N, C-alpha and C. Protein backbone atom coordinates (compact mmCIF):
# COMPACT_ATOMS: atom_id res chain seq x y z
N MET A 1 0.85 -1.13 -0.18
CA MET A 1 -0.09 0.07 0.00
C MET A 1 0.83 1.31 0.06
N SER A 2 0.55 2.29 -0.76
CA SER A 2 1.30 3.45 -0.83
C SER A 2 1.08 4.34 0.59
N ALA A 3 1.60 5.54 0.47
CA ALA A 3 1.58 6.38 1.67
C ALA A 3 0.19 7.00 1.57
N CYS A 4 -0.61 6.92 0.48
CA CYS A 4 -1.94 7.37 0.41
C CYS A 4 -3.01 6.37 1.15
N THR A 5 -3.85 6.97 1.90
CA THR A 5 -4.84 6.03 2.49
C THR A 5 -5.93 5.61 1.41
N SER A 6 -6.10 4.57 0.99
CA SER A 6 -6.95 4.16 0.12
C SER A 6 -8.44 4.38 0.55
N ARG A 7 -9.33 4.81 -0.40
CA ARG A 7 -10.81 5.00 -0.37
C ARG A 7 -11.42 3.91 -0.91
N PHE A 8 -10.92 2.95 -1.23
CA PHE A 8 -11.43 1.69 -1.83
C PHE A 8 -11.04 0.67 -1.28
N ASP A 9 -12.06 -0.37 -1.08
CA ASP A 9 -11.54 -1.75 -0.68
C ASP A 9 -10.68 -2.33 -1.74
N SER A 10 -10.09 -3.68 -1.45
CA SER A 10 -9.11 -3.90 -2.37
C SER A 10 -9.75 -4.45 -3.52
N SER A 11 -11.14 -5.26 -3.75
CA SER A 11 -11.58 -5.59 -4.81
C SER A 11 -12.07 -4.66 -5.70
N GLU A 12 -12.46 -3.58 -5.11
CA GLU A 12 -13.07 -2.25 -5.83
C GLU A 12 -11.76 -1.62 -6.48
N ARG A 13 -10.68 -1.52 -5.68
CA ARG A 13 -9.37 -0.83 -6.23
C ARG A 13 -8.97 -1.65 -7.47
N ALA A 14 -9.13 -3.12 -7.27
CA ALA A 14 -8.29 -3.99 -8.20
C ALA A 14 -9.24 -3.55 -9.62
N GLU A 15 -10.49 -3.69 -9.49
CA GLU A 15 -11.43 -3.47 -10.69
C GLU A 15 -11.18 -2.00 -11.25
N LEU A 16 -10.84 -1.01 -10.45
CA LEU A 16 -10.73 0.42 -11.03
C LEU A 16 -9.44 0.33 -11.57
N ALA A 17 -8.46 -0.34 -11.19
CA ALA A 17 -6.95 -0.31 -11.68
C ALA A 17 -7.08 -1.08 -13.13
N LYS A 18 -7.84 -2.06 -13.32
CA LYS A 18 -8.12 -2.73 -14.56
C LYS A 18 -8.77 -1.88 -15.59
N ARG A 19 -9.89 -1.04 -14.96
CA ARG A 19 -10.52 -0.28 -15.97
C ARG A 19 -9.76 0.91 -16.37
N LEU A 20 -8.92 1.43 -15.31
CA LEU A 20 -7.84 2.73 -15.71
C LEU A 20 -6.80 2.19 -16.86
N VAL A 21 -6.33 0.95 -16.79
CA VAL A 21 -5.42 0.51 -17.75
C VAL A 21 -6.09 0.29 -19.06
N ALA A 22 -7.17 -0.33 -19.07
CA ALA A 22 -7.76 -0.27 -20.30
C ALA A 22 -8.13 1.07 -20.96
N LEU A 23 -8.40 2.00 -20.23
CA LEU A 23 -8.85 3.23 -20.62
C LEU A 23 -7.68 3.88 -21.12
N THR A 24 -6.52 3.81 -20.73
CA THR A 24 -5.20 4.59 -20.92
C THR A 24 -4.15 3.75 -21.98
N GLU A 25 -4.57 2.38 -22.14
CA GLU A 25 -3.37 1.74 -22.92
C GLU A 25 -3.19 2.36 -24.25
N GLY A 26 -4.26 2.97 -24.96
CA GLY A 26 -4.04 3.70 -26.17
C GLY A 26 -3.46 4.79 -26.04
N GLY A 27 -3.27 5.54 -24.93
CA GLY A 27 -2.85 6.79 -24.52
C GLY A 27 -3.93 7.68 -23.90
N LEU A 28 -3.69 8.84 -23.28
CA LEU A 28 -4.82 9.74 -22.72
C LEU A 28 -5.06 10.68 -24.10
N PRO A 29 -6.39 10.99 -24.12
CA PRO A 29 -7.02 11.87 -25.22
C PRO A 29 -6.24 13.17 -25.08
N LEU A 30 -6.45 13.94 -26.17
CA LEU A 30 -5.91 15.30 -26.29
C LEU A 30 -7.11 16.25 -25.76
N VAL A 31 -7.49 16.31 -24.45
CA VAL A 31 -8.42 17.00 -24.03
C VAL A 31 -8.13 18.12 -22.90
N GLU A 32 -8.65 19.07 -22.64
CA GLU A 32 -8.28 20.05 -21.73
C GLU A 32 -8.10 19.55 -20.42
N ASP A 33 -8.84 18.48 -19.80
CA ASP A 33 -8.57 18.00 -18.45
C ASP A 33 -8.72 16.39 -18.62
N PRO A 34 -7.43 15.64 -18.91
CA PRO A 34 -7.32 14.37 -18.92
C PRO A 34 -7.71 13.62 -17.83
N TRP A 35 -7.49 14.31 -16.55
CA TRP A 35 -7.89 13.54 -15.29
C TRP A 35 -9.43 13.47 -15.10
N GLY A 36 -10.13 14.70 -15.49
CA GLY A 36 -11.42 14.73 -15.47
C GLY A 36 -12.09 13.51 -16.46
N TRP A 37 -11.52 13.52 -17.48
CA TRP A 37 -12.09 12.56 -18.70
C TRP A 37 -11.78 11.09 -17.98
N LEU A 38 -10.64 10.89 -17.32
CA LEU A 38 -10.55 9.51 -16.62
C LEU A 38 -11.54 9.28 -15.60
N ALA A 39 -11.65 10.31 -14.82
CA ALA A 39 -12.69 10.11 -13.62
C ALA A 39 -14.08 9.98 -14.01
N GLU A 40 -14.47 10.65 -15.03
CA GLU A 40 -15.65 10.55 -15.52
C GLU A 40 -16.12 9.16 -15.90
N ARG A 41 -15.07 8.57 -16.58
CA ARG A 41 -15.23 6.99 -17.21
C ARG A 41 -14.96 5.94 -15.96
N LEU A 42 -14.35 6.37 -15.06
CA LEU A 42 -14.25 5.51 -13.80
C LEU A 42 -15.49 5.60 -12.98
N GLU A 43 -16.06 6.84 -13.09
CA GLU A 43 -17.19 7.08 -12.26
C GLU A 43 -16.68 7.35 -10.84
N ILE A 44 -15.63 8.04 -10.66
CA ILE A 44 -15.03 8.32 -9.33
C ILE A 44 -14.53 9.97 -9.41
N SER A 45 -14.30 10.42 -8.26
CA SER A 45 -13.81 12.01 -8.39
C SER A 45 -12.53 11.96 -9.11
N VAL A 46 -12.01 13.07 -9.54
CA VAL A 46 -10.81 13.56 -10.08
C VAL A 46 -9.65 13.13 -8.96
N ASP A 47 -9.98 13.70 -7.55
CA ASP A 47 -9.23 13.29 -6.49
C ASP A 47 -8.83 11.94 -6.22
N ALA A 48 -9.88 11.05 -6.54
CA ALA A 48 -9.61 9.69 -6.28
C ALA A 48 -8.92 8.99 -7.40
N THR A 49 -9.26 9.53 -8.55
CA THR A 49 -8.57 9.04 -9.78
C THR A 49 -6.95 9.38 -9.57
N LEU A 50 -6.49 10.62 -9.13
CA LEU A 50 -5.16 10.95 -9.09
C LEU A 50 -4.65 10.03 -7.89
N GLU A 51 -5.43 9.86 -6.71
CA GLU A 51 -4.84 8.99 -5.70
C GLU A 51 -4.77 7.57 -6.12
N LEU A 52 -5.45 6.98 -6.98
CA LEU A 52 -5.35 5.79 -7.64
C LEU A 52 -4.13 5.67 -8.34
N LEU A 53 -3.90 6.70 -9.34
CA LEU A 53 -2.73 6.72 -10.19
C LEU A 53 -1.55 6.81 -9.10
N GLN A 54 -1.30 7.67 -8.32
CA GLN A 54 -0.27 7.68 -7.31
C GLN A 54 -0.11 6.41 -6.58
N GLN A 55 -1.08 5.82 -6.20
CA GLN A 55 -0.90 4.32 -5.47
C GLN A 55 -0.37 3.49 -6.54
N LEU A 56 -0.70 3.44 -7.73
CA LEU A 56 -0.22 2.37 -8.70
C LEU A 56 1.28 2.95 -9.13
N GLN A 57 1.50 4.11 -9.21
CA GLN A 57 2.84 4.52 -9.40
C GLN A 57 3.69 4.12 -8.26
N ALA A 58 3.36 4.26 -6.92
CA ALA A 58 4.14 4.03 -5.83
C ALA A 58 4.48 2.48 -5.78
N GLU A 59 3.44 1.75 -6.08
CA GLU A 59 3.67 0.15 -5.96
C GLU A 59 4.35 -0.30 -7.14
N GLY A 60 4.81 0.63 -8.21
CA GLY A 60 5.71 0.07 -9.34
C GLY A 60 4.68 -0.59 -10.28
N ALA A 61 3.44 -0.53 -10.39
CA ALA A 61 2.57 -0.90 -11.43
C ALA A 61 2.52 -0.04 -12.65
N ILE A 62 2.65 1.38 -12.44
CA ILE A 62 2.84 2.46 -13.32
C ILE A 62 4.20 3.05 -12.97
N ARG A 63 5.17 3.02 -14.14
CA ARG A 63 6.40 3.73 -13.92
C ARG A 63 6.42 5.30 -14.00
N ARG A 64 5.64 5.67 -14.85
CA ARG A 64 5.61 7.05 -15.22
C ARG A 64 4.45 7.54 -16.05
N ILE A 65 4.09 8.64 -16.00
CA ILE A 65 2.87 9.07 -16.88
C ILE A 65 3.58 10.25 -17.67
N ALA A 66 3.86 10.09 -18.93
CA ALA A 66 4.50 11.27 -19.67
C ALA A 66 3.86 11.05 -21.18
N ALA A 67 4.07 12.46 -21.85
CA ALA A 67 3.89 12.52 -23.19
C ALA A 67 4.83 11.67 -24.16
N VAL A 68 4.45 11.13 -25.08
CA VAL A 68 5.13 10.33 -26.02
C VAL A 68 5.06 10.94 -27.38
N PRO A 69 5.90 12.17 -27.76
CA PRO A 69 5.63 12.62 -29.15
C PRO A 69 6.07 11.94 -30.20
N ASN A 70 5.38 12.02 -31.35
CA ASN A 70 5.86 11.48 -32.54
C ASN A 70 6.76 12.29 -33.21
N HIS A 71 8.27 12.10 -33.06
CA HIS A 71 9.22 13.03 -33.37
C HIS A 71 9.19 13.17 -34.94
N TYR A 72 8.74 12.13 -35.72
CA TYR A 72 8.80 12.18 -37.09
C TYR A 72 7.78 13.32 -37.58
N ARG A 73 6.63 13.31 -36.91
CA ARG A 73 5.58 14.44 -37.32
C ARG A 73 6.24 15.77 -36.84
N LEU A 74 7.04 15.97 -35.94
CA LEU A 74 7.67 17.10 -35.38
C LEU A 74 8.84 17.63 -36.12
N GLY A 75 9.17 16.88 -37.15
CA GLY A 75 10.16 17.39 -38.20
C GLY A 75 11.64 16.70 -37.84
N TYR A 76 11.64 15.81 -36.91
CA TYR A 76 12.89 15.07 -36.48
C TYR A 76 12.95 13.70 -37.21
N ARG A 77 13.27 13.92 -38.61
CA ARG A 77 13.29 12.72 -39.28
C ARG A 77 14.75 11.70 -39.34
N HIS A 78 15.66 12.32 -38.73
CA HIS A 78 16.92 11.55 -38.57
C HIS A 78 17.12 11.18 -37.25
N ASN A 79 17.64 9.88 -37.03
CA ASN A 79 17.90 9.30 -35.74
C ASN A 79 18.76 8.36 -35.87
N GLY A 80 19.54 7.95 -34.67
CA GLY A 80 20.20 6.98 -34.47
C GLY A 80 20.67 6.59 -32.97
N MET A 81 20.80 5.26 -32.97
CA MET A 81 21.24 4.93 -31.50
C MET A 81 22.74 5.05 -31.61
N THR A 82 23.38 5.99 -30.56
CA THR A 82 24.77 6.13 -30.48
C THR A 82 25.18 5.21 -29.59
N VAL A 83 26.25 4.42 -29.62
CA VAL A 83 26.77 3.49 -28.69
C VAL A 83 28.23 3.89 -28.37
N TRP A 84 28.43 3.75 -27.18
CA TRP A 84 29.64 4.35 -26.61
C TRP A 84 30.55 3.43 -25.75
N ASP A 85 31.87 3.27 -25.94
CA ASP A 85 32.68 2.52 -24.84
C ASP A 85 33.08 3.50 -23.88
N VAL A 86 32.49 3.56 -22.77
CA VAL A 86 32.94 4.36 -21.54
C VAL A 86 33.42 3.59 -20.40
N ASP A 87 34.56 4.30 -19.99
CA ASP A 87 35.13 3.76 -18.79
C ASP A 87 34.16 3.31 -17.67
N ASP A 88 34.03 2.34 -17.24
CA ASP A 88 33.11 1.78 -16.08
C ASP A 88 33.21 2.59 -14.96
N ALA A 89 34.26 3.07 -14.66
CA ALA A 89 34.42 3.90 -13.27
C ALA A 89 33.70 5.39 -13.54
N GLU A 90 33.44 5.80 -14.62
CA GLU A 90 33.08 7.24 -15.09
C GLU A 90 31.40 7.01 -15.51
N ILE A 91 30.95 5.91 -15.79
CA ILE A 91 29.57 5.90 -16.52
C ILE A 91 28.47 6.22 -15.55
N ALA A 92 28.60 5.99 -14.41
CA ALA A 92 27.57 6.62 -13.44
C ALA A 92 27.45 7.99 -13.30
N ARG A 93 28.62 8.65 -13.53
CA ARG A 93 28.59 10.16 -13.65
C ARG A 93 28.15 10.65 -15.03
N LEU A 94 28.81 10.00 -15.98
CA LEU A 94 28.40 10.30 -17.24
C LEU A 94 27.22 10.25 -18.06
N GLY A 95 26.59 9.06 -17.73
CA GLY A 95 25.32 8.39 -18.28
C GLY A 95 24.25 9.61 -18.04
N PRO A 96 23.92 10.03 -16.64
CA PRO A 96 22.93 11.21 -16.78
C PRO A 96 23.16 12.34 -17.31
N LEU A 97 24.52 12.83 -17.45
CA LEU A 97 24.78 13.94 -18.23
C LEU A 97 24.53 13.82 -19.67
N ILE A 98 24.59 12.58 -20.13
CA ILE A 98 24.30 12.38 -21.74
C ILE A 98 22.75 12.56 -21.84
N GLY A 99 22.25 11.74 -20.76
CA GLY A 99 20.87 11.45 -20.83
C GLY A 99 20.01 12.93 -20.82
N ALA A 100 20.63 13.88 -20.24
CA ALA A 100 19.97 15.36 -19.92
C ALA A 100 20.17 16.09 -21.09
N GLN A 101 20.87 15.65 -22.19
CA GLN A 101 20.96 16.58 -23.34
C GLN A 101 19.47 16.60 -24.11
N PRO A 102 19.21 17.74 -24.52
CA PRO A 102 18.00 17.89 -25.14
C PRO A 102 17.60 17.04 -26.47
N PHE A 103 18.72 16.81 -27.13
CA PHE A 103 18.76 15.93 -28.36
C PHE A 103 18.63 14.42 -28.14
N VAL A 104 18.79 14.06 -26.98
CA VAL A 104 18.77 12.65 -26.45
C VAL A 104 17.34 12.08 -25.96
N SER A 105 16.61 11.36 -26.69
CA SER A 105 15.40 10.90 -25.93
C SER A 105 15.53 9.72 -25.04
N HIS A 106 16.56 8.87 -25.06
CA HIS A 106 16.65 8.06 -24.15
C HIS A 106 17.84 7.52 -24.03
N CYS A 107 18.59 7.25 -22.92
CA CYS A 107 20.07 6.93 -22.72
C CYS A 107 20.08 5.85 -21.55
N TYR A 108 20.80 4.78 -21.71
CA TYR A 108 20.97 3.76 -20.63
C TYR A 108 22.14 3.05 -20.78
N ARG A 109 22.60 2.48 -19.78
CA ARG A 109 23.82 1.50 -19.55
C ARG A 109 23.43 0.14 -19.82
N ARG A 110 24.12 -0.74 -20.66
CA ARG A 110 24.04 -1.86 -20.96
C ARG A 110 25.28 -2.77 -20.70
N PRO A 111 25.35 -3.86 -20.13
CA PRO A 111 26.48 -4.68 -19.89
C PRO A 111 27.21 -4.99 -21.23
N ARG A 112 28.68 -4.98 -21.08
CA ARG A 112 29.24 -5.35 -22.37
C ARG A 112 29.19 -6.78 -22.50
N GLN A 113 29.16 -7.27 -23.76
CA GLN A 113 28.99 -8.48 -24.35
C GLN A 113 30.20 -8.78 -25.30
N GLU A 114 30.42 -10.22 -25.38
CA GLU A 114 31.49 -10.89 -26.08
C GLU A 114 31.68 -10.29 -27.40
N GLY A 115 32.52 -9.55 -27.91
CA GLY A 115 32.62 -8.86 -29.22
C GLY A 115 31.77 -7.63 -29.50
N TRP A 116 31.27 -7.09 -28.41
CA TRP A 116 30.53 -5.86 -28.11
C TRP A 116 30.72 -5.15 -27.09
N HIS A 117 31.83 -4.13 -27.01
CA HIS A 117 32.31 -3.67 -25.95
C HIS A 117 31.69 -2.13 -25.63
N TYR A 118 30.60 -1.90 -26.24
CA TYR A 118 29.84 -0.68 -25.86
C TYR A 118 28.96 -0.83 -24.55
N ASN A 119 28.94 0.17 -23.58
CA ASN A 119 28.14 0.07 -22.41
C ASN A 119 27.27 1.13 -22.14
N LEU A 120 27.29 2.20 -23.04
CA LEU A 120 26.34 3.40 -22.94
C LEU A 120 25.55 3.59 -24.28
N PHE A 121 24.41 3.76 -24.33
CA PHE A 121 23.55 3.82 -25.31
C PHE A 121 22.77 5.12 -25.41
N ALA A 122 22.69 5.74 -26.36
CA ALA A 122 21.78 7.08 -26.37
C ALA A 122 21.16 7.52 -27.61
N MET A 123 19.95 7.41 -27.64
CA MET A 123 19.07 7.65 -29.01
C MET A 123 19.15 9.14 -29.15
N VAL A 124 19.59 9.58 -30.29
CA VAL A 124 19.69 10.81 -30.61
C VAL A 124 18.72 11.08 -31.98
N HIS A 125 18.06 12.21 -31.78
CA HIS A 125 17.01 12.75 -33.08
C HIS A 125 17.62 14.11 -33.51
N GLY A 126 17.33 14.44 -34.71
CA GLY A 126 17.63 15.51 -35.39
C GLY A 126 16.77 15.78 -36.68
N ARG A 127 17.07 16.94 -37.14
CA ARG A 127 16.39 17.19 -38.48
C ARG A 127 17.05 16.95 -39.65
N SER A 128 18.44 16.60 -39.46
CA SER A 128 19.44 16.27 -40.69
C SER A 128 20.46 15.35 -40.17
N ALA A 129 21.08 14.61 -41.14
CA ALA A 129 22.11 13.82 -40.75
C ALA A 129 23.36 14.87 -40.39
N GLU A 130 23.49 15.82 -40.81
CA GLU A 130 24.47 16.85 -40.15
C GLU A 130 24.22 17.20 -38.84
N GLU A 131 23.05 17.36 -38.43
CA GLU A 131 22.68 17.86 -37.00
C GLU A 131 22.92 16.59 -36.20
N ILE A 132 22.71 15.23 -36.75
CA ILE A 132 23.02 14.23 -35.74
C ILE A 132 24.48 14.08 -35.55
N ASP A 133 25.31 14.32 -36.79
CA ASP A 133 26.70 14.13 -36.57
C ASP A 133 27.21 15.31 -35.41
N ALA A 134 26.54 16.46 -35.52
CA ALA A 134 26.94 17.45 -34.60
C ALA A 134 26.43 17.01 -33.08
N TYR A 135 25.51 16.57 -32.92
CA TYR A 135 25.24 15.85 -31.60
C TYR A 135 26.10 14.78 -31.05
N ARG A 136 26.51 13.99 -31.94
CA ARG A 136 27.48 13.06 -31.54
C ARG A 136 28.82 13.74 -31.23
N ALA A 137 29.16 14.74 -31.84
CA ALA A 137 30.38 15.49 -31.36
C ALA A 137 30.18 16.03 -30.09
N GLU A 138 28.99 16.54 -29.73
CA GLU A 138 28.87 17.19 -28.35
C GLU A 138 29.01 16.02 -27.33
N ILE A 139 28.23 14.90 -27.68
CA ILE A 139 28.34 13.71 -26.70
C ILE A 139 29.93 13.38 -26.52
N ARG A 140 30.55 13.19 -27.56
CA ARG A 140 31.97 12.94 -27.67
C ARG A 140 32.82 13.91 -26.60
N GLN A 141 32.53 15.02 -26.82
CA GLN A 141 33.24 16.11 -26.07
C GLN A 141 32.85 15.91 -24.58
N LEU A 142 31.51 15.69 -24.34
CA LEU A 142 31.15 15.54 -22.91
C LEU A 142 31.69 14.42 -22.24
N LEU A 143 31.83 13.28 -22.98
CA LEU A 143 32.51 12.08 -22.40
C LEU A 143 34.21 12.20 -22.21
N GLY A 144 34.63 12.99 -23.13
CA GLY A 144 36.10 13.32 -23.07
C GLY A 144 36.93 12.04 -23.08
N SER A 145 37.90 11.74 -22.31
CA SER A 145 38.89 10.82 -22.23
C SER A 145 38.29 9.48 -21.70
N ALA A 146 37.14 9.58 -20.95
CA ALA A 146 36.45 8.56 -20.44
C ALA A 146 35.93 7.50 -21.64
N CYS A 147 35.77 8.20 -22.86
CA CYS A 147 35.28 7.29 -23.92
C CYS A 147 36.38 6.99 -24.80
N ARG A 148 36.32 5.62 -25.03
CA ARG A 148 37.37 4.96 -26.02
C ARG A 148 36.98 4.99 -27.47
N THR A 149 35.63 4.72 -27.72
CA THR A 149 35.30 4.67 -28.94
C THR A 149 33.75 4.56 -29.29
N ASP A 150 33.15 4.87 -30.29
CA ASP A 150 31.75 4.94 -30.45
C ASP A 150 31.34 4.69 -31.83
N GLU A 151 30.02 4.27 -32.07
CA GLU A 151 29.41 3.86 -33.15
C GLU A 151 28.10 4.53 -33.35
N MET A 152 27.51 4.68 -34.53
CA MET A 152 25.99 5.33 -34.63
C MET A 152 25.31 3.93 -35.40
N LEU A 153 24.07 3.57 -34.88
CA LEU A 153 23.24 2.63 -35.35
C LEU A 153 22.21 3.27 -35.91
N VAL A 154 21.98 3.26 -37.14
CA VAL A 154 20.99 4.09 -37.81
C VAL A 154 19.89 3.32 -38.12
N SER A 155 18.59 3.67 -37.88
CA SER A 155 17.27 3.11 -37.97
C SER A 155 17.20 2.61 -39.41
N SER A 156 16.77 1.44 -39.97
CA SER A 156 16.48 1.08 -41.36
C SER A 156 15.05 1.33 -41.56
N ARG A 157 13.96 1.18 -40.36
CA ARG A 157 12.74 1.42 -40.70
C ARG A 157 12.01 1.99 -39.27
N ILE A 158 10.88 2.45 -39.50
CA ILE A 158 10.25 3.08 -38.18
C ILE A 158 9.35 1.93 -37.82
N LEU A 159 9.59 1.71 -36.56
CA LEU A 159 8.78 0.83 -35.74
C LEU A 159 7.49 1.30 -35.09
N LYS A 160 6.54 0.58 -35.09
CA LYS A 160 5.26 1.19 -34.36
C LYS A 160 5.54 1.03 -32.99
N LYS A 161 5.31 2.25 -32.16
CA LYS A 161 5.55 2.35 -30.88
C LYS A 161 4.28 2.41 -29.98
N THR A 162 4.03 1.60 -29.03
CA THR A 162 2.84 1.52 -28.21
C THR A 162 3.04 1.44 -26.71
N GLY A 163 2.06 1.74 -26.02
CA GLY A 163 2.20 1.27 -24.67
C GLY A 163 1.82 0.06 -24.30
N LEU A 164 1.47 -0.22 -23.00
CA LEU A 164 1.09 -1.43 -22.60
C LEU A 164 -0.16 -1.74 -23.06
N ARG A 165 -0.31 -3.01 -23.57
CA ARG A 165 -1.62 -3.68 -24.14
C ARG A 165 -1.80 -4.93 -23.30
N VAL A 166 -2.96 -4.78 -22.44
CA VAL A 166 -3.39 -6.09 -21.80
C VAL A 166 -4.51 -6.46 -22.45
N THR A 167 -4.41 -8.04 -22.58
CA THR A 167 -5.30 -8.84 -23.34
C THR A 167 -6.05 -9.80 -22.29
N SER A 168 -7.17 -9.85 -22.32
CA SER A 168 -8.03 -10.78 -21.32
C SER A 168 -7.92 -12.10 -21.93
N ARG A 169 -7.63 -12.94 -20.85
CA ARG A 169 -7.42 -14.34 -21.60
C ARG A 169 -8.60 -15.11 -20.73
N ARG A 170 -9.86 -15.35 -21.50
CA ARG A 170 -10.88 -16.09 -20.96
C ARG A 170 -11.14 -17.33 -21.38
């Protein structure tokens, strides 16, 4: 249970949580008050809806609530996963620095694999190949001597991105 005091019994809360997931798995609608939209459909107050969301997030059932823009429609048609061989002693300090760059949509550490020595991955988006190259140069400068080498893995096609989908098995 989260720090919030639940106003629902456990079976009612479980049912509301299932309905909330079903309502939001395709994304929230672009309306002035998305919390009100959810509350209306759940037939509970906005405060109760926000409390339920907070509880689910505190329990780890929901990691985050965020906008997921379509960067292609925004004009960012060039992208690539930049991969970096960064000194393991420096990666905890440098990873968040790279992830905070405005042109990086996501950044994460991965364990090294046999034949693959890269341990830091950063997805970079730009409006042109030249812009992407400039961003890579910025990252290289930020990593400094802690970076031994890097590569760019360029997307060959656009993959459909979706959020959680829950299928009922009856």
